[in-house]
Amino acid sequence: MSLRRFLDCAYAILIEEYTRLGTDLLSAIEKVDESLGLRDPLERAERQASPADNDRALAELQKMMGGIA
């Protein structure tokens, strides 16, 4: 397992634990992000994406939507 996948799993487990304790999903995400110092993860992700990354993501989305009429 790569480090990135390990960290993704740990993040998911934290979210799952908060929701198990009765926190709604969005609040759980905010709590985990705040505890990890990720104030605005969407803004951070947008700043890090290159135009090539955006093009690949769009092409992948268009492939996935190709079968939807």
C-alpha atoms as a PDB file:
ATOM      1  CA  MET A   1       0.000   0.000   0.000  1.00  0.00           C
ATOM      2  CA  SER A   2       1.368   3.389  -0.947  1.00  0.00           C
ATOM      3  CA  LEU A   3       1.695   6.167   1.606  1.00  0.00           C
ATOM      4  CA  ARG A   4      -0.993   8.169  -0.183  1.00  0.00           C
ATOM      5  CA  ARG A   5      -3.481   5.275  -0.004  1.00  0.00           C
ATOM      6  CA  PHE A   6      -2.607   4.699   3.642  1.00  0.00           C
ATOM      7  CA  LEU A   7      -3.308   8.357   4.435  1.00  0.00           C
ATOM      8  CA  ASP A   8      -6.550   8.269   2.439  1.00  0.00           C
ATOM      9  CA  CYS A   9      -7.654   5.228   4.460  1.00  0.00           C
ATOM     10  CA  ALA A  10      -6.756   6.923   7.738  1.00  0.00           C
ATOM     11  CA  TYR A  11      -8.747  10.011   6.694  1.00  0.00           C
ATOM     12  CA  ALA A  12     -11.749   7.849   5.776  1.00  0.00           C
ATOM     13  CA  ILE A  13     -11.568   6.040   9.113  1.00  0.00           C
ATOM     14  CA  LEU A  14     -11.581   9.364  10.976  1.00  0.00           C
ATOM     15  CA  ILE A  15     -14.635  10.525   9.035  1.00  0.00           C
ATOM     16  CA  GLU A  16     -16.358   7.189   9.624  1.00  0.00           C
ATOM     17  CA  GLU A  17     -15.679   7.391  13.364  1.00  0.00           C
ATOM     18  CA  TYR A  18     -17.167  10.878  13.635  1.00  0.00           C
ATOM     19  CA  THR A  19     -20.289   9.783  11.742  1.00  0.00           C
ATOM     20  CA  ARG A  20     -20.577   6.667  13.916  1.00  0.00           C
ATOM     21  CA  LEU A  21     -20.636   8.954  16.947  1.00  0.00           C
ATOM     22  CA  GLY A  22     -23.582  10.854  15.490  1.00  0.00           C
ATOM     23  CA  THR A  23     -21.973  13.709  13.576  1.00  0.00           C
ATOM     24  CA  ASP A  24     -23.419  14.388  10.135  1.00  0.00           C
ATOM     25  CA  LEU A  25     -21.063  13.782   7.209  1.00  0.00           C
ATOM     26  CA  LEU A  26     -20.284  17.398   6.307  1.00  0.00           C
ATOM     27  CA  SER A  27     -19.601  18.322   9.927  1.00  0.00           C
ATOM     28  CA  ALA A  28     -17.367  15.259  10.289  1.00  0.00           C
ATOM     29  CA  ILE A  29     -15.355  16.305   7.232  1.00  0.00           C
ATOM     30  CA  GLU A  30     -14.996  19.844   8.591  1.00  0.00           C
ATOM     31  CA  LYS A  31     -13.859  18.553  12.006  1.00  0.00           C
ATOM     32  CA  VAL A  32     -11.249  16.229  10.535  1.00  0.00           C
ATOM     33  CA  ASP A  33      -9.993  18.873   8.111  1.00  0.00           C
ATOM     34  CA  GLU A  34      -9.737  21.410  10.919  1.00  0.00           C
ATOM     35  CA  SER A  35      -7.846  18.988  13.150  1.00  0.00           C
ATOM     36  CA  LEU A  36      -5.417  18.274  10.299  1.00  0.00           C
ATOM     37  CA  GLY A  37      -4.962  21.956   9.473  1.00  0.00           C
ATOM     38  CA  LEU A  38      -6.842  21.753   6.174  1.00  0.00           C
ATOM     39  CA  ARG A  39      -8.998  24.855   6.484  1.00  0.00           C
ATOM     40  CA  ASP A  40     -10.287  24.884   2.908  1.00  0.00           C
ATOM     41  CA  PRO A  41      -9.343  21.652   1.103  1.00  0.00           C
ATOM     42  CA  LEU A  42     -11.250  22.513  -2.083  1.00  0.00           C
ATOM     43  CA  GLU A  43      -9.445  25.815  -2.487  1.00  0.00           C
ATOM     44  CA  ARG A  44      -6.109  24.096  -1.881  1.00  0.00           C
ATOM     45  CA  ALA A  45      -6.884  21.398  -4.448  1.00  0.00           C
ATOM     46  CA  GLU A  46      -7.874  23.987  -7.039  1.00  0.00           C
ATOM     47  CA  ARG A  47      -4.620  25.892  -6.591  1.00  0.00           C
ATOM     48  CA  GLN A  48      -2.543  22.733  -7.030  1.00  0.00           C
ATOM     49  CA  ALA A  49      -4.251  21.459 -10.186  1.00  0.00           C
ATOM     50  CA  SER A  50      -2.387  22.216 -13.390  1.00  0.00           C
ATOM     51  CA  PRO A  51      -4.169  22.863 -16.691  1.00  0.00           C
ATOM     52  CA  ALA A  52      -3.039  19.412 -17.864  1.00  0.00           C
ATOM     53  CA  ASP A  53      -4.580  17.852 -14.735  1.00  0.00           C
ATOM     54  CA  ASN A  54      -7.830  19.684 -15.411  1.00  0.00           C
ATOM     55  CA  ASP A  55      -7.854  18.524 -19.043  1.00  0.00           C
ATOM     56  CA  ARG A  56      -7.316  14.889 -18.008  1.00  0.00           C
ATOM     57  CA  ALA A  57     -10.048  15.098 -15.375  1.00  0.00           C
ATOM     58  CA  LEU A  58     -12.479  16.620 -17.878  1.00  0.00           C
ATOM     59  CA  ALA A  59     -11.680  13.941 -20.475  1.00  0.00           C
ATOM     60  CA  GLU A  60     -12.258  11.216 -17.877  1.00  0.00           C
ATOM     61  CA  LEU A  61     -15.568  12.773 -16.834  1.00  0.00           C
ATOM     62  CA  GLN A  62     -16.686  13.000 -20.461  1.00  0.00           C
ATOM     63  CA  LYS A  63     -15.831   9.308 -20.948  1.00  0.00           C
ATOM     64  CA  MET A  64     -17.884   8.397 -17.883  1.00  0.00           C
ATOM     65  CA  MET A  65     -20.828  10.504 -19.040  1.00  0.00           C
ATOM     66  CA  GLY A  66     -20.682   9.122 -22.592  1.00  0.00           C
ATOM     67  CA  GLY A  67     -23.174   6.360 -21.849  1.00  0.00           C
ATOM     68  CA  ILE A  68     -25.691   8.685 -20.198  1.00  0.00           C
ATOM     69  CA  ALA A  69     -28.403  10.007 -22.484  1.00  0.00           C
END
